[in-house]
């Protein structure tokens, strides 16, 4: 149940995230999130593996899994630091970077979860690594991007061309967002590609088909309402898990690990990845700090445990749950004030569209 519920809320949130991003894609316009999902993500995984082995005495597969499940930033719990509805007037590099990073890295972290599964089942031998590189890393990411673009283009044609000509859809048909989400995810997974990537790319492609169309606001509003409803249910379950003792295996070393990851590893890795960009240093600090953990970590951990035995299940659940709890409290208490400070004090420079 945990696996399916987190999976559902993630794909709905990823669709909503794609729909509300106004900035058109180019490697220059998207340099900050691309740096975050490549350089920062790899640095975080490497640091988690080292700390997992040296500090927590985990086996390599478990340490690798811990790194893979903690690197995704969350598109669900991070609404306070993300961009607003489509065509919002105020543009913020901090909000854009965090929003697009959250949209991308839930899918781009999947290969490393599979690497941990392969390490636990087959071992990291040359044959398994070559299979991982070719299939789990290259094919499934590339296919997810292409299929997301394809489904997004098809949906845009049906909504903005075919349906407007034949009057098939009304501006209040918000359920289309859910239909597009489920169809995109299901069809992509049937073709053995990453559905998380495809859903986000489909939402982004749909968003930029007719950027000024009012229908985007309806789609965003509807996905946001459904996302908040499911989030409330999940947080109730998370509170129940805390009460029922998910943190019992937690040790002092695990607590230090969680604090170090949130306050040192993520901020330092993200800041290093943004060096050389024209982003103001205050915004670099904010982007680096707000690596909010959430439902993606829960989903990946449940997914991995369903495919392999790691021998440290209770300890890993305790670490992830404690990190998630810290992130909710720490980032939740600071998000509003930091974003307000940046909005007031940052120079209003033109932002790429």
Protein backbone atom coordinates (compact mmCIF):
# COMPACT_ATOMS: atom_id res chain seq x y z
CA UNK A 1 0.00 0.00 0.00
CA UNK A 2 2.86 2.39 0.85
CA UNK A 3 4.44 1.74 -2.54
CA UNK A 4 1.28 2.37 -4.58
CA UNK A 5 0.08 5.39 -2.61
CA UNK A 6 3.44 7.17 -2.81
CA UNK A 7 3.68 6.23 -6.48
CA UNK A 8 0.27 7.80 -7.19
CA UNK A 9 0.96 11.06 -5.38
CA UNK A 10 4.38 11.36 -7.03
CA UNK A 11 3.13 11.00 -10.59
CA UNK A 12 0.28 13.47 -9.99
CA UNK A 13 2.70 15.92 -8.41
CA UNK A 14 5.19 15.51 -11.27
CA UNK A 15 2.49 16.27 -13.82
CA UNK A 16 1.48 19.39 -11.87
CA UNK A 17 5.13 20.41 -11.57
CA UNK A 18 5.64 20.20 -15.33
CA UNK A 19 2.47 22.18 -16.06
CA UNK A 20 3.48 25.16 -13.89
CA UNK A 21 7.02 25.71 -15.24
CA UNK A 22 7.00 28.68 -17.63
CA UNK A 23 10.65 28.63 -18.71
CA UNK A 24 11.31 27.05 -22.11
CA UNK A 25 13.94 24.34 -22.22
CA UNK A 26 17.47 24.92 -23.40
CA UNK A 27 20.74 23.81 -21.84
CA UNK A 28 21.52 27.41 -20.95
CA UNK A 29 18.09 28.23 -19.49
CA UNK A 30 18.05 24.98 -17.50
CA UNK A 31 21.70 24.95 -16.46
CA UNK A 32 20.95 25.12 -12.71
CA UNK A 33 18.63 22.07 -12.48
CA UNK A 34 20.82 20.10 -14.90
CA UNK A 35 23.81 20.76 -12.66
CA UNK A 36 21.79 19.72 -9.61
CA UNK A 37 20.63 16.40 -11.08
CA UNK A 38 24.10 15.52 -12.33
CA UNK A 39 26.95 16.95 -10.26
CA UNK A 40 25.09 17.46 -6.96
CA UNK A 41 23.23 14.16 -7.19
CA UNK A 42 26.39 12.13 -7.81
CA UNK A 43 28.26 13.90 -5.02
CA UNK A 44 25.38 13.21 -2.59
CA UNK A 45 25.23 9.53 -3.53
CA UNK A 46 29.00 9.15 -3.15
CA UNK A 47 28.95 10.85 0.26
CA UNK A 48 26.05 8.67 1.44
CA UNK A 49 27.82 5.50 0.35
CA UNK A 50 31.00 6.48 2.20
CA UNK A 51 29.16 7.52 5.37
CA UNK A 52 26.92 4.46 5.18
CA UNK A 53 29.91 2.13 5.09
CA UNK A 54 32.26 4.00 7.43
CA UNK A 55 29.81 5.48 9.97
CA UNK A 56 26.77 3.19 9.88
CA UNK A 57 28.63 -0.06 9.08
CA UNK A 58 26.23 -0.89 6.24
CA UNK A 59 27.05 -3.31 3.48
CA UNK A 60 27.73 -1.78 0.06
CA UNK A 61 24.27 -2.57 -1.42
CA UNK A 62 22.49 -1.05 1.60
CA UNK A 63 24.76 2.02 1.59
CA UNK A 64 24.20 2.47 -2.13
CA UNK A 65 20.44 2.15 -1.64
CA UNK A 66 20.53 4.75 1.13
CA UNK A 67 22.24 7.20 -1.20
CA UNK A 68 19.79 6.47 -4.03
CA UNK A 69 16.67 6.97 -1.91
CA UNK A 70 17.86 10.17 -0.22
CA UNK A 71 18.99 12.11 -3.30
CA UNK A 72 15.55 12.91 -4.82
CA UNK A 73 14.23 16.29 -3.73
CA UNK A 74 10.51 16.30 -3.23
CA UNK A 75 7.90 17.77 -5.58
CA UNK A 76 5.15 17.05 -3.03
CA UNK A 77 6.28 18.65 0.23
CA UNK A 78 8.19 21.53 -1.38
CA UNK A 79 5.30 23.70 -2.55
CA UNK A 80 6.48 26.69 -0.47
CA UNK A 81 9.77 26.90 -2.41
CA UNK A 82 8.44 26.13 -5.89
CA UNK A 83 7.15 28.29 -8.72
CA UNK A 84 3.54 29.39 -8.60
CA UNK A 85 0.71 28.80 -11.07
CA UNK A 86 1.29 29.04 -14.85
CA UNK A 87 2.11 32.56 -16.12
CA UNK A 88 2.98 33.87 -12.67
CA UNK A 89 4.45 37.38 -13.01
CA UNK A 90 7.23 37.11 -10.41
CA UNK A 91 10.19 35.04 -11.66
CA UNK A 92 12.64 33.52 -9.19
CA UNK A 93 15.74 31.51 -10.10
CA UNK A 94 15.60 29.82 -6.69
CA UNK A 95 12.03 28.64 -7.18
CA UNK A 96 12.67 27.58 -10.75
CA UNK A 97 15.80 25.58 -9.86
CA UNK A 98 14.12 23.79 -6.96
CA UNK A 99 10.94 23.07 -8.93
CA UNK A 100 12.65 21.73 -12.02
CA UNK A 101 15.14 19.76 -9.93
CA UNK A 102 12.28 18.11 -8.05
CA UNK A 103 10.56 17.32 -11.34
CA UNK A 104 13.64 15.74 -12.87
CA UNK A 105 15.45 13.93 -10.10
CA UNK A 106 12.59 11.68 -9.00
CA UNK A 107 13.17 9.90 -12.30
CA UNK A 108 16.92 10.36 -12.61
CA UNK A 109 17.50 8.75 -9.19
CA UNK A 110 15.80 5.52 -10.33
CA UNK A 111 18.90 4.04 -12.06
CA UNK A 112 20.83 4.22 -8.80
CA UNK A 113 18.05 2.40 -6.96
CA UNK A 114 18.32 -0.32 -9.60
CA UNK A 115 22.11 -0.33 -9.14
CA UNK A 116 21.62 -1.03 -5.44
CA UNK A 117 19.15 -3.82 -6.28
CA UNK A 118 21.63 -5.37 -8.72
CA UNK A 119 24.38 -5.10 -6.10
CA UNK A 120 22.18 -6.95 -3.59
CA UNK A 121 21.08 -9.69 -6.03
CA UNK A 122 23.82 -10.20 -8.65
CA UNK A 123 26.77 -8.30 -7.23
CA UNK A 124 28.61 -5.49 -8.98
CA UNK A 125 30.32 -7.57 -11.62
CA UNK A 126 31.27 -6.42 -15.10
CA UNK A 127 28.23 -8.10 -16.67
CA UNK A 128 25.72 -6.54 -14.27
CA UNK A 129 27.35 -3.09 -14.54
CA UNK A 130 27.25 -3.17 -18.36
CA UNK A 131 23.58 -4.24 -18.21
CA UNK A 132 22.86 -1.40 -15.77
CA UNK A 133 24.62 1.20 -17.93
CA UNK A 134 22.92 0.17 -21.15
CA UNK A 135 19.42 -0.64 -19.91
CA UNK A 136 18.66 1.05 -16.59
CA UNK A 137 20.71 4.21 -17.16
CA UNK A 138 20.74 4.97 -20.88
CA UNK A 139 17.72 3.26 -22.44
CA UNK A 140 15.16 3.84 -19.69
CA UNK A 141 16.05 7.52 -19.25
CA UNK A 142 16.17 8.26 -22.99
CA UNK A 143 12.95 6.35 -23.63
CA UNK A 144 11.23 8.12 -20.73
CA UNK A 145 12.19 11.54 -22.12
CA UNK A 146 11.08 10.66 -25.66
CA UNK A 147 7.80 9.03 -24.62
CA UNK A 148 6.97 11.93 -22.28
CA UNK A 149 7.54 14.38 -25.12
CA UNK A 150 5.43 12.23 -27.46
CA UNK A 151 2.47 11.88 -25.07
CA UNK A 152 2.68 15.59 -24.24
CA UNK A 153 2.60 16.55 -27.93
CA UNK A 154 -0.35 14.22 -28.54
CA UNK A 155 -2.27 15.61 -25.57
CA UNK A 156 -1.55 19.18 -26.69
CA UNK A 157 -2.91 18.45 -30.17
CA UNK A 158 -6.06 16.84 -28.76
CA UNK A 159 -6.67 19.72 -26.32
CA UNK A 160 -5.66 22.83 -28.24
CA UNK A 161 -6.38 21.81 -31.82
CA UNK A 162 -8.73 18.88 -32.25
CA UNK A 163 -10.99 19.46 -29.24
CA UNK A 164 -11.26 23.22 -29.71
CA UNK A 165 -12.27 22.68 -33.31
CA UNK A 166 -14.89 20.09 -32.40
CA UNK A 167 -15.81 21.52 -28.92
CA UNK A 168 -15.06 18.27 -27.08
CA UNK A 169 -13.46 19.65 -23.92
CA UNK A 170 -14.60 22.39 -21.59
CA UNK A 171 -12.22 24.60 -19.58
CA UNK A 172 -13.44 22.86 -16.42
CA UNK A 173 -12.33 19.39 -17.50
CA UNK A 174 -9.56 19.18 -14.91
CA UNK A 175 -9.79 15.40 -14.84
CA UNK A 176 -7.85 15.44 -18.09
CA UNK A 177 -4.68 16.06 -16.08
CA UNK A 178 -5.24 12.86 -14.10
CA UNK A 179 -6.08 10.92 -17.26
CA UNK A 180 -2.96 12.20 -19.01
CA UNK A 181 -0.86 11.39 -15.95
CA UNK A 182 -2.08 7.81 -15.62
CA UNK A 183 -1.98 7.08 -19.36
CA UNK A 184 1.51 8.53 -19.74
CA UNK A 185 2.84 6.66 -16.73
CA UNK A 186 1.18 3.36 -17.57
CA UNK A 187 2.14 3.31 -21.26
CA UNK A 188 5.71 4.34 -20.50
CA UNK A 189 6.13 1.66 -17.85
CA UNK A 190 4.71 -0.93 -20.29
CA UNK A 191 7.56 0.00 -22.63
CA UNK A 192 10.06 -0.46 -19.75
CA UNK A 193 11.03 3.20 -19.50
CA UNK A 194 10.95 5.51 -16.48
CA UNK A 195 7.37 6.70 -16.00
CA UNK A 196 8.37 9.44 -13.54
CA UNK A 197 10.50 11.13 -16.19
CA UNK A 198 7.82 10.70 -18.85
CA UNK A 199 5.07 12.24 -16.71
CA UNK A 200 7.13 15.34 -15.93
CA UNK A 201 8.24 15.79 -19.55
CA UNK A 202 4.65 15.30 -20.75
CA UNK A 203 3.41 18.03 -18.39
CA UNK A 204 6.22 20.34 -19.48
CA UNK A 205 5.54 19.67 -23.18
CA UNK A 206 1.81 20.27 -22.73
CA UNK A 207 2.54 23.49 -20.84
CA UNK A 208 4.63 24.95 -23.68
CA UNK A 209 2.29 23.97 -26.51
CA UNK A 210 0.01 26.97 -25.83
CA UNK A 211 1.69 28.94 -23.06
CA UNK A 212 -0.96 31.64 -22.68
CA UNK A 213 -4.00 29.36 -22.73
CA UNK A 214 -6.18 29.61 -19.61
CA UNK A 215 -6.66 25.84 -19.58
CA UNK A 216 -3.22 25.42 -17.97
CA UNK A 217 -4.49 27.14 -14.83
CA UNK A 218 -7.42 24.71 -14.63
CA UNK A 219 -5.09 21.72 -15.00
CA UNK A 220 -2.69 23.10 -12.40
CA UNK A 221 -5.47 23.87 -9.92
CA UNK A 222 -6.98 20.41 -10.24
CA UNK A 223 -3.68 18.52 -9.88
CA UNK A 224 -2.75 20.70 -6.92
CA UNK A 225 -6.02 19.88 -5.12
CA UNK A 226 -5.68 16.14 -5.72
CA UNK A 227 -2.04 16.25 -4.64
CA UNK A 228 -2.89 18.01 -1.37
CA UNK A 229 -5.66 15.51 -0.65
CA UNK A 230 -3.37 12.52 -1.13
CA UNK A 231 -0.58 14.25 0.80
CA UNK A 232 -2.88 14.62 3.81
CA UNK A 233 -3.59 10.89 3.75
CA UNK A 234 0.09 10.04 3.44
CA UNK A 235 1.12 12.32 6.30
CA UNK A 236 -1.48 10.63 8.52
CA UNK A 237 0.09 7.26 7.67
CA UNK A 238 3.56 8.69 8.28
CA UNK A 239 2.49 9.95 11.70
CA UNK A 240 1.07 6.52 12.45
CA UNK A 241 4.37 4.91 11.44
CA UNK A 242 6.25 7.21 13.82
CA UNK A 243 3.90 6.34 16.66
CA UNK A 244 4.08 2.61 15.92
CA UNK A 245 7.86 2.57 16.31
CA UNK A 246 9.50 3.01 12.92
CA UNK A 247 12.24 5.01 14.69
CA UNK A 248 13.01 2.31 17.29
CA UNK A 249 16.15 1.06 15.48
CA UNK A 250 17.48 4.64 15.31
CA UNK A 251 20.95 5.06 16.84
CA UNK A 252 23.07 8.08 17.64
CA UNK A 253 25.17 7.46 14.51
CA UNK A 254 22.02 7.35 12.35
CA UNK A 255 20.87 10.66 13.79
CA UNK A 256 24.25 12.24 13.07
CA UNK A 257 24.06 10.87 9.54
CA UNK A 258 20.64 12.47 8.94
CA UNK A 259 21.74 15.86 10.27
CA UNK A 260 24.99 15.71 8.29
CA UNK A 261 23.16 14.85 5.09
CA UNK A 262 20.63 17.68 5.39
CA UNK A 263 22.98 20.35 6.74
CA UNK A 264 26.32 19.51 5.14
CA UNK A 265 26.20 16.97 2.30
CA UNK A 266 23.27 18.33 0.29
CA UNK A 267 24.07 22.05 0.77
CA UNK A 268 27.76 21.61 -0.01
CA UNK A 269 27.18 19.35 -3.03
CA UNK A 270 24.54 21.64 -4.49
CA UNK A 271 26.59 24.80 -3.93
CA UNK A 272 29.63 23.23 -5.60
CA UNK A 273 27.48 22.20 -8.56
CA UNK A 274 26.32 25.80 -9.04
CA UNK A 275 29.80 27.35 -9.05
CA UNK A 276 30.48 29.18 -12.29
CA UNK A 277 26.84 30.17 -12.85
CA UNK A 278 25.57 33.75 -12.76
CA UNK A 279 23.14 33.01 -9.93
CA UNK A 280 23.43 35.41 -6.96
CA UNK A 281 25.24 33.84 -4.01
CA UNK A 282 22.19 34.24 -1.75
CA UNK A 283 20.09 32.27 -4.22
CA UNK A 284 22.81 29.62 -4.49
CA UNK A 285 22.66 29.22 -0.71
CA UNK A 286 18.87 28.94 -0.76
CA UNK A 287 18.87 26.39 -3.60
CA UNK A 288 21.54 24.38 -1.81
CA UNK A 289 19.78 24.41 1.55
CA UNK A 290 16.28 23.51 0.37
CA UNK A 291 16.93 19.96 -0.73
CA UNK A 292 13.64 18.84 0.79
CA UNK A 293 13.24 15.09 1.30
CA UNK A 294 9.88 13.44 0.98
CA UNK A 295 7.66 10.90 -0.72
CA UNK A 296 10.22 9.93 -3.36
CA UNK A 297 12.50 8.50 -0.67
CA UNK A 298 9.65 6.45 0.79
CA UNK A 299 8.66 5.13 -2.64
CA UNK A 300 12.18 4.13 -3.67
CA UNK A 301 12.86 2.37 -0.39
CA UNK A 302 9.60 0.40 -0.58
CA UNK A 303 10.31 -0.40 -4.24
CA UNK A 304 13.82 -1.68 -3.53
CA UNK A 305 12.68 -3.85 -0.61
CA UNK A 306 10.14 -5.44 -2.93
CA UNK A 307 12.88 -6.50 -5.34
CA UNK A 308 15.79 -7.56 -3.13
CA UNK A 309 16.86 -8.30 0.41
CA UNK A 310 19.35 -5.86 1.90
CA UNK A 311 19.57 -7.22 5.45
CA UNK A 312 19.16 -3.76 7.04
CA UNK A 313 15.52 -2.99 6.28
CA UNK A 314 14.50 -1.70 9.71
CA UNK A 315 17.62 0.46 10.03
CA UNK A 316 17.14 1.97 6.57
CA UNK A 317 13.47 2.72 7.28
CA UNK A 318 14.48 4.42 10.53
CA UNK A 319 17.15 6.57 8.83
CA UNK A 320 14.85 7.63 5.99
CA UNK A 321 11.90 8.33 8.31
CA UNK A 322 14.08 10.41 10.64
CA UNK A 323 15.59 12.35 7.72
CA UNK A 324 12.12 12.99 6.33
CA UNK A 325 10.87 14.19 9.73
CA UNK A 326 13.87 16.53 10.11
CA UNK A 327 13.35 17.91 6.61
CA UNK A 328 9.66 18.60 7.22
CA UNK A 329 10.45 20.50 10.42
CA UNK A 330 13.67 22.25 9.37
CA UNK A 331 12.65 23.28 5.86
CA UNK A 332 9.04 23.88 6.80
CA UNK A 333 9.98 26.40 9.48
CA UNK A 334 12.38 28.34 7.26
CA UNK A 335 10.88 28.19 3.75
CA UNK A 336 8.44 31.10 3.97
CA UNK A 337 10.82 33.58 5.57
CA UNK A 338 13.73 32.72 3.25
CA UNK A 339 11.59 32.97 0.11
CA UNK A 340 10.15 36.28 1.31
CA UNK A 341 13.64 37.65 1.96
CA UNK A 342 14.83 36.64 -1.50
CA UNK A 343 11.78 38.16 -3.19
CA UNK A 344 12.34 41.49 -1.46
CA UNK A 345 16.13 41.69 -1.75
CA UNK A 346 17.04 40.05 -5.05
CA UNK A 347 17.45 42.34 -8.08
CA UNK A 348 14.62 41.92 -10.60
CA UNK A 349 16.60 40.80 -13.65
CA UNK A 350 15.06 39.44 -16.83
CA UNK A 351 14.50 35.71 -16.58
CA UNK A 352 14.67 33.45 -19.67
CA UNK A 353 11.27 32.40 -20.94
